[in-house]
Structures are given as structure tokens and as C-alpha cells.
Amino acid sequence: MEKKVYNGTGRRKTSVAQVRIVVPGNGKRTINGKEMKDYLQREDLIKHALKPLEVAKADGKMDVICKAKGGGISGQA
């Protein structure tokens, strides 16, 4: 199957996130080159960031690569 790449940008207050989604994928999730759990560190922020994938029933089916800057960790999540 051919891999498809989707790009998007999200903004909240002073935080900006550029996201690349690769379908199909193996569930890899990185933020600024680190694993999501290592970058966000708090369970509530991790759950918040993964909620859209959970709702779409796509968790584990795609790779999500994010570059985030500005604001704080909670705004970036």
C-alpha cells in the first residue's frame, strides 16, 4: 500500500504546531524529535493530545510527527 502524507498547522494562544501524519503507519508519535510521552510528561496532556486519534479510531494506524514551538507544554499539547 502506498503511504500518504498529510500536513496541518494548529494554533492556540502563542503556541504553534506543525503536524505531519503518515498513513499507514505503525503508531509512532513524536514531538520535536522526542517520543510524545517523554516530551509532554504529564498523563493528562498525553490523553488530551491523543483524543482526536481515539475519536477517529485511528490510534496506532498512523505516524504523527509534530514540531511545536511557543507557549508552554499545555498549550502545545
PDB file of N, CA and C in Angstrom:
ATOM      1  N   MET A   1       0.842  -1.183   0.000  1.00  0.00           N
ATOM      2  CA  MET A   1       0.000   0.000   0.000  1.00  0.00           C
ATOM      3  C   MET A   1       0.887   1.245   0.000  1.00  0.00           C
ATOM      4  N   GLU A   2       0.505   2.223  -0.759  1.00  0.00           N
ATOM      5  CA  GLU A   2       1.254   3.469  -0.860  1.00  0.00           C
ATOM      6  C   GLU A   2       1.024   4.332   0.378  1.00  0.00           C
ATOM      7  N   LYS A   3       2.103   4.911   0.884  1.00  0.00           N
ATOM      8  CA  LYS A   3       1.982   5.788   2.049  1.00  0.00           C
ATOM      9  C   LYS A   3       1.524   7.172   1.599  1.00  0.00           C
ATOM     10  N   LYS A   4       0.614   7.746   2.344  1.00  0.00           N
ATOM     11  CA  LYS A   4       0.138   9.097   2.088  1.00  0.00           C
ATOM     12  C   LYS A   4       0.566   9.976   3.249  1.00  0.00           C
ATOM     13  N   VAL A   5       0.914  11.218   2.939  1.00  0.00           N
ATOM     14  CA  VAL A   5       1.366  12.168   3.948  1.00  0.00           C
ATOM     15  C   VAL A   5       0.414  13.359   3.952  1.00  0.00           C
ATOM     16  N   TYR A   6      -0.057  13.707   5.154  1.00  0.00           N
ATOM     17  CA  TYR A   6      -0.941  14.855   5.332  1.00  0.00           C
ATOM     18  C   TYR A   6      -0.257  15.845   6.267  1.00  0.00           C
ATOM     19  N   ASN A   7      -0.320  17.129   5.933  1.00  0.00           N
ATOM     20  CA  ASN A   7       0.293  18.175   6.745  1.00  0.00           C
ATOM     21  C   ASN A   7      -0.791  19.109   7.270  1.00  0.00           C
ATOM     22  N   GLY A   8      -0.567  19.635   8.469  1.00  0.00           N
ATOM     23  CA  GLY A   8      -1.506  20.584   9.050  1.00  0.00           C
ATOM     24  C   GLY A   8      -0.815  21.466  10.070  1.00  0.00           C
ATOM     25  N   THR A   9      -1.454  22.587  10.368  1.00  0.00           N
ATOM     26  CA  THR A   9      -0.938  23.520  11.360  1.00  0.00           C
ATOM     27  C   THR A   9      -2.037  23.815  12.362  1.00  0.00           C
ATOM     28  N   GLY A  10      -1.667  23.815  13.643  1.00  0.00           N
ATOM     29  CA  GLY A  10      -2.616  24.143  14.701  1.00  0.00           C
ATOM     30  C   GLY A  10      -2.058  25.263  15.552  1.00  0.00           C
ATOM     31  N   ARG A  11      -2.940  26.149  16.007  1.00  0.00           N
ATOM     32  CA  ARG A  11      -2.514  27.275  16.826  1.00  0.00           C
ATOM     33  C   ARG A  11      -3.416  27.386  18.051  1.00  0.00           C
ATOM     34  N   ARG A  12      -2.795  27.753  19.172  1.00  0.00           N
ATOM     35  CA  ARG A  12      -3.540  28.039  20.410  1.00  0.00           C
ATOM     36  C   ARG A  12      -2.758  29.089  21.171  1.00  0.00           C
ATOM     37  N   LYS A  13      -3.386  30.220  21.400  1.00  0.00           N
ATOM     38  CA  LYS A  13      -2.727  31.354  22.048  1.00  0.00           C
ATOM     39  C   LYS A  13      -1.406  31.640  21.350  1.00  0.00           C
ATOM     40  N   THR A  14      -0.271  31.408  22.009  1.00  0.00           N
ATOM     41  CA  THR A  14       1.017  31.704  21.369  1.00  0.00           C
ATOM     42  C   THR A  14       1.746  30.438  20.920  1.00  0.00           C
ATOM     43  N   SER A  15       1.092  29.283  20.993  1.00  0.00           N
ATOM     44  CA  SER A  15       1.706  28.024  20.574  1.00  0.00           C
ATOM     45  C   SER A  15       1.341  27.728  19.126  1.00  0.00           C
ATOM     46  N   VAL A  16       2.295  27.162  18.399  1.00  0.00           N
ATOM     47  CA  VAL A  16       2.069  26.748  17.022  1.00  0.00           C
ATOM     48  C   VAL A  16       2.609  25.332  16.864  1.00  0.00           C
ATOM     49  N   ALA A  17       1.821  24.458  16.231  1.00  0.00           N
ATOM     50  CA  ALA A  17       2.254  23.084  15.985  1.00  0.00           C
ATOM     51  C   ALA A  17       2.096  22.773  14.502  1.00  0.00           C
ATOM     52  N   GLN A  18       3.168  22.295  13.895  1.00  0.00           N
ATOM     53  CA  GLN A  18       3.121  21.810  12.524  1.00  0.00           C
ATOM     54  C   GLN A  18       3.128  20.288  12.613  1.00  0.00           C
ATOM     55  N   VAL A  19       2.115  19.656  12.021  1.00  0.00           N
ATOM     56  CA  VAL A  19       1.927  18.223  12.175  1.00  0.00           C
ATOM     57  C   VAL A  19       1.969  17.538  10.813  1.00  0.00           C
ATOM     58  N   ARG A  20       2.663  16.408  10.771  1.00  0.00           N
ATOM     59  CA  ARG A  20       2.707  15.560   9.584  1.00  0.00           C
ATOM     60  C   ARG A  20       2.161  14.201  10.003  1.00  0.00           C
ATOM     61  N   ILE A  21       1.161  13.728   9.254  1.00  0.00           N
ATOM     62  CA  ILE A  21       0.555  12.424   9.519  1.00  0.00           C
ATOM     63  C   ILE A  21       0.862  11.520   8.332  1.00  0.00           C
ATOM     64  N   VAL A  22       1.401  10.339   8.630  1.00  0.00           N
ATOM     65  CA  VAL A  22       1.753   9.367   7.602  1.00  0.00           C
ATOM     66  C   VAL A  22       0.833   8.157   7.755  1.00  0.00           C
ATOM     67  N   VAL A  23       0.110   7.844   6.657  1.00  0.00           N
ATOM     68  CA  VAL A  23      -0.844   6.737   6.666  1.00  0.00           C
ATOM     69  C   VAL A  23      -0.469   5.771   5.552  1.00  0.00           C
ATOM     70  N   PRO A  24      -0.404   4.488   5.734  1.00  0.00           N
ATOM     71  CA  PRO A  24      -0.474   3.809   7.012  1.00  0.00           C
ATOM     72  C   PRO A  24       0.831   3.948   7.771  1.00  0.00           C
ATOM     73  N   GLY A  25       0.758   3.758   9.057  1.00  0.00           N
ATOM     74  CA  GLY A  25       1.935   3.871   9.907  1.00  0.00           C
ATOM     75  C   GLY A  25       1.892   2.821  11.001  1.00  0.00           C
ATOM     76  N   ASN A  26       2.864   2.877  11.895  1.00  0.00           N
ATOM     77  CA  ASN A  26       2.928   1.890  12.970  1.00  0.00           C
ATOM     78  C   ASN A  26       2.616   2.485  14.338  1.00  0.00           C
ATOM     79  N   GLY A  27       2.102   3.716  14.384  1.00  0.00           N
ATOM     80  CA  GLY A  27       1.715   4.326  15.651  1.00  0.00           C
ATOM     81  C   GLY A  27       2.784   5.180  16.289  1.00  0.00           C
ATOM     82  N   LYS A  28       3.845   5.504  15.566  1.00  0.00           N
ATOM     83  CA  LYS A  28       4.923   6.342  16.109  1.00  0.00           C
ATOM     84  C   LYS A  28       4.398   7.767  16.301  1.00  0.00           C
ATOM     85  N   ARG A  29       4.659   8.353  17.480  1.00  0.00           N
ATOM     86  CA  ARG A  29       4.209   9.715  17.789  1.00  0.00           C
ATOM     87  C   ARG A  29       5.385  10.481  18.380  1.00  0.00           C
ATOM     88  N   THR A  30       5.831  11.522  17.676  1.00  0.00           N
ATOM     89  CA  THR A  30       6.957  12.315  18.165  1.00  0.00           C
ATOM     90  C   THR A  30       6.606  13.798  18.165  1.00  0.00           C
ATOM     91  N   ILE A  31       7.194  14.511  19.124  1.00  0.00           N
ATOM     92  CA  ILE A  31       7.072  15.962  19.206  1.00  0.00           C
ATOM     93  C   ILE A  31       8.483  16.508  19.358  1.00  0.00           C
ATOM     94  N   ASN A  32       8.876  17.374  18.445  1.00  0.00           N
ATOM     95  CA  ASN A  32      10.220  17.975  18.446  1.00  0.00           C
ATOM     96  C   ASN A  32      11.320  16.925  18.571  1.00  0.00           C
ATOM     97  N   GLY A  33      11.159  15.805  17.876  1.00  0.00           N
ATOM     98  CA  GLY A  33      12.170  14.760  17.856  1.00  0.00           C
ATOM     99  C   GLY A  33      12.180  13.827  19.053  1.00  0.00           C
ATOM    100  N   LYS A  34      11.275  14.029  20.011  1.00  0.00           N
ATOM    101  CA  LYS A  34      11.198  13.167  21.199  1.00  0.00           C
ATOM    102  C   LYS A  34       9.897  12.376  21.159  1.00  0.00           C
ATOM    103  N   GLU A  35       9.891  11.233  21.824  1.00  0.00           N
ATOM    104  CA  GLU A  35       8.645  10.485  21.972  1.00  0.00           C
ATOM    105  C   GLU A  35       7.630  11.361  22.700  1.00  0.00           C
ATOM    106  N   MET A  36       6.359  11.237  22.340  1.00  0.00           N
ATOM    107  CA  MET A  36       5.321  12.085  22.936  1.00  0.00           C
ATOM    108  C   MET A  36       5.325  12.004  24.459  1.00  0.00           C
ATOM    109  N   LYS A  37       5.456  10.814  25.008  1.00  0.00           N
ATOM    110  CA  LYS A  37       5.417  10.643  26.467  1.00  0.00           C
ATOM    111  C   LYS A  37       6.606  11.331  27.135  1.00  0.00           C
ATOM    112  N   ASP A  38       7.761  11.330  26.475  1.00  0.00           N
ATOM    113  CA  ASP A  38       8.933  11.997  27.037  1.00  0.00           C
ATOM    114  C   ASP A  38       8.812  13.514  26.946  1.00  0.00           C
ATOM    115  N   TYR A  39       8.154  14.014  25.892  1.00  0.00           N
ATOM    116  CA  TYR A  39       8.039  15.457  25.705  1.00  0.00           C
ATOM    117  C   TYR A  39       6.957  16.054  26.600  1.00  0.00           C
ATOM    118  N   LEU A  40       5.764  15.463  26.608  1.00  0.00           N
ATOM    119  CA  LEU A  40       4.651  16.034  27.376  1.00  0.00           C
ATOM    120  C   LEU A  40       4.733  15.698  28.865  1.00  0.00           C
ATOM    121  N   GLN A  41       5.186  14.505  29.212  1.00  0.00           N
ATOM    122  CA  GLN A  41       5.471  14.063  30.568  1.00  0.00           C
ATOM    123  C   GLN A  41       4.261  13.904  31.489  1.00  0.00           C
ATOM    124  N   ARG A  42       3.185  14.631  31.271  1.00  0.00           N
ATOM    125  CA  ARG A  42       2.008  14.530  32.150  1.00  0.00           C
ATOM    126  C   ARG A  42       0.922  13.704  31.469  1.00  0.00           C
ATOM    127  N   GLU A  43       0.344  12.782  32.221  1.00  0.00           N
ATOM    128  CA  GLU A  43      -0.658  11.866  31.665  1.00  0.00           C
ATOM    129  C   GLU A  43      -1.874  12.612  31.109  1.00  0.00           C
ATOM    130  N   ASP A  44      -2.320  13.676  31.780  1.00  0.00           N
ATOM    131  CA  ASP A  44      -3.492  14.409  31.291  1.00  0.00           C
ATOM    132  C   ASP A  44      -3.211  15.090  29.955  1.00  0.00           C
ATOM    133  N   LEU A  45      -1.999  15.595  29.750  1.00  0.00           N
ATOM    134  CA  LEU A  45      -1.650  16.222  28.470  1.00  0.00           C
ATOM    135  C   LEU A  45      -1.541  15.186  27.355  1.00  0.00           C
ATOM    136  N   ILE A  46      -1.021  14.018  27.680  1.00  0.00           N
ATOM    137  CA  ILE A  46      -0.909  12.945  26.686  1.00  0.00           C
ATOM    138  C   ILE A  46      -2.305  12.504  26.239  1.00  0.00           C
ATOM    139  N   LYS A  47      -3.218  12.317  27.202  1.00  0.00           N
ATOM    140  CA  LYS A  47      -4.595  11.938  26.867  1.00  0.00           C
ATOM    141  C   LYS A  47      -5.266  13.004  26.016  1.00  0.00           C
ATOM    142  N   HIS A  48      -5.037  14.273  26.352  1.00  0.00           N
ATOM    143  CA  HIS A  48      -5.623  15.381  25.598  1.00  0.00           C
ATOM    144  C   HIS A  48      -5.111  15.384  24.154  1.00  0.00           C
ATOM    145  N   ALA A  49      -3.820  15.162  23.977  1.00  0.00           N
ATOM    146  CA  ALA A  49      -3.228  15.176  22.638  1.00  0.00           C
ATOM    147  C   ALA A  49      -3.686  13.981  21.798  1.00  0.00           C
ATOM    148  N   LEU A  50      -3.964  12.845  22.434  1.00  0.00           N
ATOM    149  CA  LEU A  50      -4.362  11.645  21.712  1.00  0.00           C
ATOM    150  C   LEU A  50      -5.868  11.530  21.482  1.00  0.00           C
ATOM    151  N   LYS A  51      -6.654  12.392  22.079  1.00  0.00           N
ATOM    152  CA  LYS A  51      -8.118  12.315  21.983  1.00  0.00           C
ATOM    153  C   LYS A  51      -8.626  12.301  20.536  1.00  0.00           C
ATOM    154  N   PRO A  52      -8.129  13.164  19.629  1.00  0.00           N
ATOM    155  CA  PRO A  52      -8.637  13.114  18.249  1.00  0.00           C
ATOM    156  C   PRO A  52      -8.396  11.761  17.568  1.00  0.00           C
ATOM    157  N   LEU A  53      -7.250  11.130  17.839  1.00  0.00           N
ATOM    158  CA  LEU A  53      -6.977   9.821  17.253  1.00  0.00           C
ATOM    159  C   LEU A  53      -7.906   8.760  17.828  1.00  0.00           C
ATOM    160  N   GLU A  54      -8.211   8.881  19.111  1.00  0.00           N
ATOM    161  CA  GLU A  54      -9.123   7.946  19.767  1.00  0.00           C
ATOM    162  C   GLU A  54     -10.530   8.067  19.190  1.00  0.00           C
ATOM    163  N   VAL A  55     -10.998   9.292  19.018  1.00  0.00           N
ATOM    164  CA  VAL A  55     -12.345   9.528  18.484  1.00  0.00           C
ATOM    165  C   VAL A  55     -12.456   8.998  17.054  1.00  0.00           C
ATOM    166  N   ALA A  56     -11.399   9.187  16.264  1.00  0.00           N
ATOM    167  CA  ALA A  56     -11.395   8.736  14.870  1.00  0.00           C
ATOM    168  C   ALA A  56     -11.088   7.245  14.741  1.00  0.00           C
ATOM    169  N   LYS A  57     -10.834   6.573  15.859  1.00  0.00           N
ATOM    170  CA  LYS A  57     -10.460   5.159  15.879  1.00  0.00           C
ATOM    171  C   LYS A  57      -9.263   4.899  14.977  1.00  0.00           C
ATOM    172  N   ALA A  58      -8.283   5.812  15.036  1.00  0.00           N
ATOM    173  CA  ALA A  58      -7.102   5.725  14.183  1.00  0.00           C
ATOM    174  C   ALA A  58      -5.822   5.572  14.990  1.00  0.00           C
ATOM    175  N   ASP A  59      -5.926   5.424  16.297  1.00  0.00           N
ATOM    176  CA  ASP A  59      -4.737   5.307  17.134  1.00  0.00           C
ATOM    177  C   ASP A  59      -3.986   4.027  16.782  1.00  0.00           C
ATOM    178  N   GLY A  60      -2.708   4.154  16.483  1.00  0.00           N
ATOM    179  CA  GLY A  60      -1.891   3.005  16.127  1.00  0.00           C
ATOM    180  C   GLY A  60      -1.864   2.703  14.645  1.00  0.00           C
ATOM    181  N   LYS A  61      -2.682   3.387  13.856  1.00  0.00           N
ATOM    182  CA  LYS A  61      -2.752   3.132  12.423  1.00  0.00           C
ATOM    183  C   LYS A  61      -1.956   4.141  11.599  1.00  0.00           C
ATOM    184  N   MET A  62      -1.425   5.171  12.264  1.00  0.00           N
ATOM    185  CA  MET A  62      -0.700   6.220  11.550  1.00  0.00           C
ATOM    186  C   MET A  62       0.432   6.754  12.404  1.00  0.00           C
ATOM    187  N   ASP A  63       1.422   7.343  11.730  1.00  0.00           N
ATOM    188  CA  ASP A  63       2.519   8.008  12.419  1.00  0.00           C
ATOM    189  C   ASP A  63       2.201   9.494  12.502  1.00  0.00           C
ATOM    190  N   VAL A  64       2.486  10.105  13.642  1.00  0.00           N
ATOM    191  CA  VAL A  64       2.251  11.532  13.842  1.00  0.00           C
ATOM    192  C   VAL A  64       3.573  12.175  14.240  1.00  0.00           C
ATOM    193  N   ILE A  65       4.045  13.102  13.414  1.00  0.00           N
ATOM    194  CA  ILE A  65       5.288  13.807  13.678  1.00  0.00           C
ATOM    195  C   ILE A  65       4.941  15.287  13.833  1.00  0.00           C
ATOM    196  N   CYS A  66       5.303  15.870  14.966  1.00  0.00           N
ATOM    197  CA  CYS A  66       4.907  17.240  15.284  1.00  0.00           C
ATOM    198  C   CYS A  66       6.124  18.086  15.621  1.00  0.00           C
ATOM    199  N   LYS A  67       6.114  19.320  15.142  1.00  0.00           N
ATOM    200  CA  LYS A  67       7.089  20.324  15.564  1.00  0.00           C
ATOM    201  C   LYS A  67       6.296  21.429  16.245  1.00  0.00           C
ATOM    202  N   ALA A  68       6.528  21.619  17.534  1.00  0.00           N
ATOM    203  CA  ALA A  68       5.775  22.589  18.319  1.00  0.00           C
ATOM    204  C   ALA A  68       6.714  23.660  18.849  1.00  0.00           C
ATOM    205  N   LYS A  69       6.201  24.895  18.920  1.00  0.00           N
ATOM    206  CA  LYS A  69       7.003  25.977  19.487  1.00  0.00           C
ATOM    207  C   LYS A  69       6.076  27.018  20.095  1.00  0.00           C
ATOM    208  N   GLY A  70       6.639  27.822  20.967  1.00  0.00           N
ATOM    209  CA  GLY A  70       5.885  28.894  21.606  1.00  0.00           C
ATOM    210  C   GLY A  70       5.012  28.392  22.740  1.00  0.00           C
ATOM    211  N   GLY A  71       4.595  29.309  23.585  1.00  0.00           N
ATOM    212  CA  GLY A  71       3.718  28.972  24.700  1.00  0.00           C
ATOM    213  C   GLY A  71       4.357  27.988  25.653  1.00  0.00           C
ATOM    214  N   GLY A  72       3.534  27.257  26.353  1.00  0.00           N
ATOM    215  CA  GLY A  72       4.023  26.244  27.284  1.00  0.00           C
ATOM    216  C   GLY A  72       3.641  24.855  26.811  1.00  0.00           C
ATOM    217  N   ILE A  73       4.010  23.873  27.582  1.00  0.00           N
ATOM    218  CA  ILE A  73       3.731  22.492  27.227  1.00  0.00           C
ATOM    219  C   ILE A  73       2.225  22.236  27.109  1.00  0.00           C
ATOM    220  N   SER A  74       1.424  22.786  28.013  1.00  0.00           N
ATOM    221  CA  SER A  74      -0.020  22.539  27.956  1.00  0.00           C
ATOM    222  C   SER A  74      -0.651  23.165  26.720  1.00  0.00           C
ATOM    223  N   GLY A  75      -0.185  24.321  26.294  1.00  0.00           N
ATOM    224  CA  GLY A  75      -0.678  24.941  25.061  1.00  0.00           C
ATOM    225  C   GLY A  75      -0.261  24.147  23.832  1.00  0.00           C
ATOM    226  N   GLN A  76       0.902  23.575  23.876  1.00  0.00           N
ATOM    227  CA  GLN A  76       1.391  22.775  22.758  1.00  0.00           C
ATOM    228  C   GLN A  76       0.655  21.444  22.649  1.00  0.00           C
ATOM    229  N   ALA A  77       0.232  20.921  23.791  1.00  0.00           N
ATOM    230  CA  ALA A  77      -0.499  19.645  23.767  1.00  0.00           C
ATOM    231  C   ALA A  77      -1.813  19.801  23.026  1.00  0.00           C
TER     232      ALA A  77
END
